[in-house]
Amino acid sequence: MKTQDPRKRKILESFKGGLIVSCQVQQDDPIYSNDIVVKMAQAAEWAGAVGIRANSPKQIRAIRAAVDLPIIGLYKIWHDDTEVFITPTLEAAKEVWEAGADIIAMDCTEQITHEKTAAYELISKVKEAIPKAMTFADISTYDEAKRAVELGADLVGPTLYGYTAATKDIELPDLREFARMCRDFGDNAYMVMEGHIYTPEDAMKCLFLGAHTVVVGSAITRPHLTAKRFVDLLSGYQNNWREAERSKHICSVL
């Protein structure tokens, strides 16, 4: 059931039909600088975006001080023994909240974390420990979306479609499956399209299919990956740009 909390509903309803821009950078990205995410967020606000998705307490804090938009916060932490890296622990979620995020995004797939628990188990812990926060479940399949809704996630999106064993080696979003999620779960959670959206036209398709809002990152804020998509295709696709997109980074941004 969608939250009845007036404060939360005001924020969540403000996303309706709009664009959320994912403004993220890692220290080993070629575009990295101390203020790049702030510039990204300010550009998104200028353009009319309804929200920002941001990674790491440091970057969330900087964006919070610069723009007046709701922030979906996460904390990417990589480990060699797991593919779970989006806000993998309660401690990470607390840091995201304390940095100023309105919504905490986390991996809600069936993958096993570094702590040897199922990733989806975290959402109940976050809801109990930080009741004022809203939760965003990053999932990769219909069944994971169903479980996230049952666990009370406020927003659910296929952010991790293409990043799990069950969905690897994909190039395009599965719009048919997303439409099924919107049809079956849209009355109980805010369904968000995130992942593999590269044009305004594709974003509009998602709204017509039932998305409450659309999150776009790489196509807007990661020009090195946009350039690599062109280069890989022009060179006969001898390299797959998605390998760079999916790669674990040297370290998480602190």
Protein backbone atom coordinates (compact mmCIF):
# COMPACT_ATOMS: atom_id res chain seq x y z
CA MET A 1 0.00 0.00 0.00
CA LYS A 2 1.29 3.46 -0.88
CA THR A 3 2.27 5.58 2.07
CA GLN A 4 -0.40 7.78 3.62
CA ASP A 5 2.15 10.03 5.32
CA PRO A 6 1.40 13.57 4.03
CA ARG A 7 5.06 14.65 3.92
CA LYS A 8 6.15 11.57 2.03
CA ARG A 9 3.21 11.67 -0.37
CA LYS A 10 3.92 15.31 -1.21
CA ILE A 11 7.45 14.41 -2.31
CA LEU A 12 6.47 11.23 -4.12
CA GLU A 13 3.57 12.85 -5.95
CA SER A 14 5.85 15.69 -7.06
CA PHE A 15 7.72 13.16 -9.21
CA LYS A 16 4.66 12.30 -11.31
CA GLY A 17 5.39 12.45 -15.03
CA GLY A 18 8.77 14.05 -14.51
CA LEU A 19 12.46 13.35 -14.95
CA ILE A 20 14.83 12.42 -12.14
CA VAL A 21 18.48 12.86 -13.11
CA SER A 22 21.10 10.54 -11.69
CA CYS A 23 24.13 12.70 -10.88
CA GLN A 24 27.00 10.39 -9.98
CA VAL A 25 30.75 10.25 -10.47
CA GLN A 26 33.50 7.95 -9.23
CA GLN A 27 37.08 8.95 -8.53
CA ASP A 28 38.38 6.89 -11.46
CA ASP A 29 35.92 8.41 -13.95
CA PRO A 30 37.60 10.72 -16.51
CA ILE A 31 35.10 13.49 -15.67
CA TYR A 32 35.80 13.42 -11.94
CA SER A 33 36.32 16.69 -10.09
CA ASN A 34 35.34 17.83 -6.63
CA ASP A 35 32.34 19.82 -7.81
CA ILE A 36 31.19 17.94 -10.92
CA VAL A 37 28.12 16.36 -9.28
CA VAL A 38 27.00 19.76 -8.03
CA LYS A 39 27.23 21.14 -11.56
CA MET A 40 25.29 18.12 -12.84
CA ALA A 41 22.55 18.65 -10.26
CA GLN A 42 22.33 22.39 -10.90
CA ALA A 43 22.04 21.72 -14.65
CA ALA A 44 19.28 19.18 -13.98
CA GLU A 45 17.39 21.63 -11.76
CA TRP A 46 17.73 24.35 -14.41
CA ALA A 47 16.33 21.95 -17.00
CA GLY A 48 13.23 21.24 -14.90
CA ALA A 49 14.07 17.88 -13.36
CA VAL A 50 11.84 16.86 -10.45
CA GLY A 51 14.54 15.07 -8.45
CA ILE A 52 18.14 13.95 -8.19
CA ARG A 53 19.62 10.50 -7.62
CA ALA A 54 23.05 10.71 -6.00
CA ASN A 55 25.74 8.41 -4.65
CA SER A 56 27.79 8.63 -1.44
CA PRO A 57 27.33 10.76 1.66
CA LYS A 58 29.89 13.30 0.44
CA GLN A 59 28.22 13.89 -2.90
CA ILE A 60 24.70 13.85 -1.44
CA ARG A 61 25.72 16.48 1.10
CA ALA A 62 27.22 18.71 -1.60
CA ILE A 63 24.15 18.44 -3.81
CA ARG A 64 21.80 19.03 -0.87
CA ALA A 65 23.52 22.37 -0.24
CA ALA A 66 23.26 23.45 -3.88
CA VAL A 67 19.81 22.49 -5.19
CA ASP A 68 16.26 22.51 -3.89
CA LEU A 69 15.08 19.16 -5.24
CA PRO A 70 14.26 15.87 -3.51
CA ILE A 71 17.25 13.53 -3.42
CA ILE A 72 17.25 9.78 -3.86
CA GLY A 73 20.46 8.78 -2.11
CA LEU A 74 22.52 5.62 -2.24
CA TYR A 75 26.00 4.49 -1.29
CA LYS A 76 27.93 2.30 -3.72
CA ILE A 77 30.38 0.02 -1.93
CA TRP A 78 32.14 -2.72 -3.89
CA HIS A 79 33.46 -6.05 -2.61
CA ASP A 80 35.13 -8.81 -4.61
CA ASP A 81 32.88 -11.55 -3.24
CA THR A 82 29.50 -10.06 -4.22
CA GLU A 83 27.67 -8.15 -6.93
CA VAL A 84 25.64 -6.24 -4.34
CA PHE A 85 27.01 -2.70 -4.20
CA ILE A 86 24.07 -0.30 -3.88
CA THR A 87 23.66 0.64 -0.21
CA PRO A 88 24.48 -2.89 0.98
CA THR A 89 24.21 -2.34 4.75
CA LEU A 90 22.10 -0.55 7.33
CA GLU A 91 25.13 1.53 8.28
CA ALA A 92 25.43 2.72 4.68
CA ALA A 93 21.72 3.59 4.62
CA LYS A 94 22.07 5.62 7.79
CA GLU A 95 24.97 7.57 6.28
CA VAL A 96 22.87 8.33 3.19
CA TRP A 97 20.02 9.60 5.36
CA GLU A 98 22.26 11.69 7.59
CA ALA A 99 23.82 13.28 4.50
CA GLY A 100 20.46 14.74 3.54
CA ALA A 101 18.73 12.27 1.23
CA ASP A 102 14.93 12.18 1.29
CA ILE A 103 14.77 8.66 -0.15
CA ILE A 104 17.18 5.77 0.37
CA ALA A 105 17.82 3.50 -2.60
CA MET A 106 19.12 -0.02 -2.03
CA ASP A 107 19.63 -3.33 -3.78
CA CYS A 108 16.49 -5.41 -3.28
CA THR A 109 17.43 -8.35 -5.49
CA GLU A 110 17.96 -11.95 -4.44
CA GLN A 111 21.72 -11.56 -4.61
CA ILE A 112 23.83 -12.39 -1.57
CA THR A 113 25.70 -9.55 0.11
CA HIS A 114 29.23 -9.37 1.49
CA GLU A 115 27.63 -10.03 4.89
CA LYS A 116 26.09 -13.27 3.53
CA THR A 117 22.49 -12.12 3.67
CA ALA A 118 19.94 -11.74 0.86
CA ALA A 119 20.03 -8.15 -0.37
CA TYR A 120 16.26 -7.69 -0.07
CA GLU A 121 16.39 -8.30 3.68
CA LEU A 122 17.79 -4.80 4.19
CA ILE A 123 14.64 -2.90 3.26
CA SER A 124 12.72 -3.99 6.38
CA LYS A 125 15.69 -3.04 8.56
CA VAL A 126 15.88 0.42 6.99
CA LYS A 127 12.14 1.02 7.38
CA GLU A 128 12.36 0.11 11.05
CA ALA A 129 15.57 2.01 11.83
CA ILE A 130 14.79 5.15 9.76
CA PRO A 131 10.99 5.46 9.66
CA LYS A 132 11.06 9.02 8.34
CA ALA A 133 12.90 7.94 5.21
CA MET A 134 11.27 6.71 2.03
CA THR A 135 12.69 3.62 0.37
CA PHE A 136 13.56 2.91 -3.26
CA ALA A 137 13.93 -0.78 -4.16
CA ASP A 138 16.40 -1.42 -6.98
CA ILE A 139 15.33 -4.72 -8.53
CA SER A 140 16.01 -6.74 -11.69
CA THR A 141 13.01 -9.04 -12.17
CA TYR A 142 9.24 -9.16 -11.79
CA ASP A 143 9.46 -11.49 -8.79
CA GLU A 144 11.92 -9.17 -7.05
CA ALA A 145 9.58 -6.25 -7.68
CA LYS A 146 6.70 -8.23 -6.19
CA ARG A 147 8.70 -8.98 -3.05
CA ALA A 148 9.84 -5.36 -2.71
CA VAL A 149 6.23 -4.15 -2.84
CA GLU A 150 5.22 -6.73 -0.25
CA LEU A 151 8.05 -5.50 1.99
CA GLY A 152 6.69 -1.97 1.78
CA ALA A 153 9.05 -0.20 -0.62
CA ASP A 154 7.78 3.26 -1.54
CA LEU A 155 9.34 3.25 -5.00
CA VAL A 156 10.33 0.26 -7.12
CA GLY A 157 12.39 0.30 -10.30
CA PRO A 158 14.34 -2.15 -12.49
CA THR A 159 17.61 -0.33 -11.87
CA LEU A 160 19.55 -3.58 -11.69
CA TYR A 161 18.11 -5.17 -14.83
CA GLY A 162 21.23 -6.27 -16.68
CA TYR A 163 23.42 -6.31 -13.57
CA THR A 164 22.39 -9.64 -12.05
CA ALA A 165 23.03 -13.23 -13.08
CA ALA A 166 19.39 -13.61 -14.07
CA THR A 167 19.45 -10.60 -16.40
CA LYS A 168 23.01 -10.34 -17.70
CA ASP A 169 23.94 -9.73 -21.34
CA ILE A 170 21.03 -7.42 -22.12
CA GLU A 171 21.22 -4.23 -24.17
CA LEU A 172 17.74 -2.74 -23.95
CA PRO A 173 15.11 -2.36 -21.21
CA ASP A 174 12.41 -5.00 -21.08
CA LEU A 175 9.46 -2.66 -21.54
CA ARG A 176 6.94 -5.47 -21.70
CA GLU A 177 8.03 -6.76 -18.29
CA PHE A 178 8.10 -3.24 -16.88
CA ALA A 179 4.55 -2.65 -18.11
CA ARG A 180 3.49 -5.84 -16.31
CA MET A 181 5.08 -4.55 -13.09
CA CYS A 182 3.22 -1.24 -13.43
CA ARG A 183 -0.06 -3.03 -14.06
CA ASP A 184 0.28 -5.41 -11.12
CA PHE A 185 2.03 -3.25 -8.53
CA GLY A 186 1.25 0.35 -9.44
CA ASP A 187 -1.60 0.62 -6.95
CA ASN A 188 0.66 -0.32 -4.05
CA ALA A 189 3.98 1.37 -4.88
CA TYR A 190 5.30 4.13 -7.10
CA MET A 191 6.78 2.39 -10.14
CA VAL A 192 9.88 4.02 -11.54
CA MET A 193 11.65 3.31 -14.82
CA GLU A 194 15.39 3.40 -14.37
CA GLY A 195 18.04 1.79 -16.51
CA HIS A 196 18.92 1.76 -20.23
CA ILE A 197 16.86 4.82 -21.16
CA TYR A 198 18.79 6.96 -23.66
CA THR A 199 16.28 9.24 -25.40
CA PRO A 200 13.33 11.45 -24.41
CA GLU A 201 11.16 9.29 -26.65
CA ASP A 202 12.06 6.15 -24.70
CA ALA A 203 11.30 7.96 -21.45
CA MET A 204 7.86 8.93 -22.79
CA LYS A 205 7.16 5.28 -23.69
CA CYS A 206 7.74 4.37 -20.06
CA LEU A 207 5.26 6.97 -18.82
CA PHE A 208 2.63 5.63 -21.21
CA LEU A 209 3.34 2.11 -19.90
CA GLY A 210 2.58 3.22 -16.34
CA ALA A 211 5.78 4.66 -14.89
CA HIS A 212 5.22 7.30 -12.23
CA THR A 213 8.55 8.89 -13.12
CA VAL A 214 11.71 8.11 -15.08
CA VAL A 215 15.31 8.19 -13.86
CA VAL A 216 18.06 8.83 -16.43
CA GLY A 217 21.75 8.87 -15.62
CA SER A 218 24.39 7.77 -18.13
CA ALA A 219 22.71 9.33 -21.16
CA ILE A 220 22.78 12.74 -19.45
CA THR A 221 25.57 12.84 -16.88
CA ARG A 222 28.22 10.34 -18.04
CA PRO A 223 29.53 11.71 -21.35
CA HIS A 224 32.47 9.31 -21.40
CA LEU A 225 30.06 6.37 -21.60
CA THR A 226 27.96 8.12 -24.24
CA ALA A 227 31.11 8.65 -26.30
CA LYS A 228 32.15 5.05 -25.80
CA ARG A 229 28.81 3.78 -27.14
CA PHE A 230 29.52 5.65 -30.37
CA VAL A 231 33.15 4.55 -30.55
CA ASP A 232 32.36 0.89 -29.90
CA LEU A 233 29.77 0.81 -32.67
CA LEU A 234 31.90 2.73 -35.17
CA SER A 235 34.81 0.36 -34.55
CA GLY A 236 32.68 -2.67 -35.43
CA TYR A 237 31.71 -3.34 -31.82
CA GLN A 238 35.07 -4.93 -31.03
CA ASN A 239 34.53 -3.74 -27.46
CA ASN A 240 31.33 -3.59 -25.45
CA TRP A 241 30.86 -0.28 -23.66
CA ARG A 242 28.68 -2.01 -21.07
CA GLU A 243 31.77 -3.68 -19.63
CA ALA A 244 32.93 -0.23 -18.59
CA GLU A 245 29.47 0.67 -17.32
CA ARG A 246 29.25 -2.47 -15.18
CA SER A 247 32.83 -2.44 -13.90
CA LYS A 248 33.64 -2.29 -10.22
CA HIS A 249 35.43 0.93 -9.40
CA ILE A 250 38.76 1.36 -7.68
CA CYS A 251 37.01 2.53 -4.54
CA SER A 252 33.74 4.03 -3.47
CA VAL A 253 33.65 7.80 -3.15
CA LEU A 254 33.86 8.64 0.53
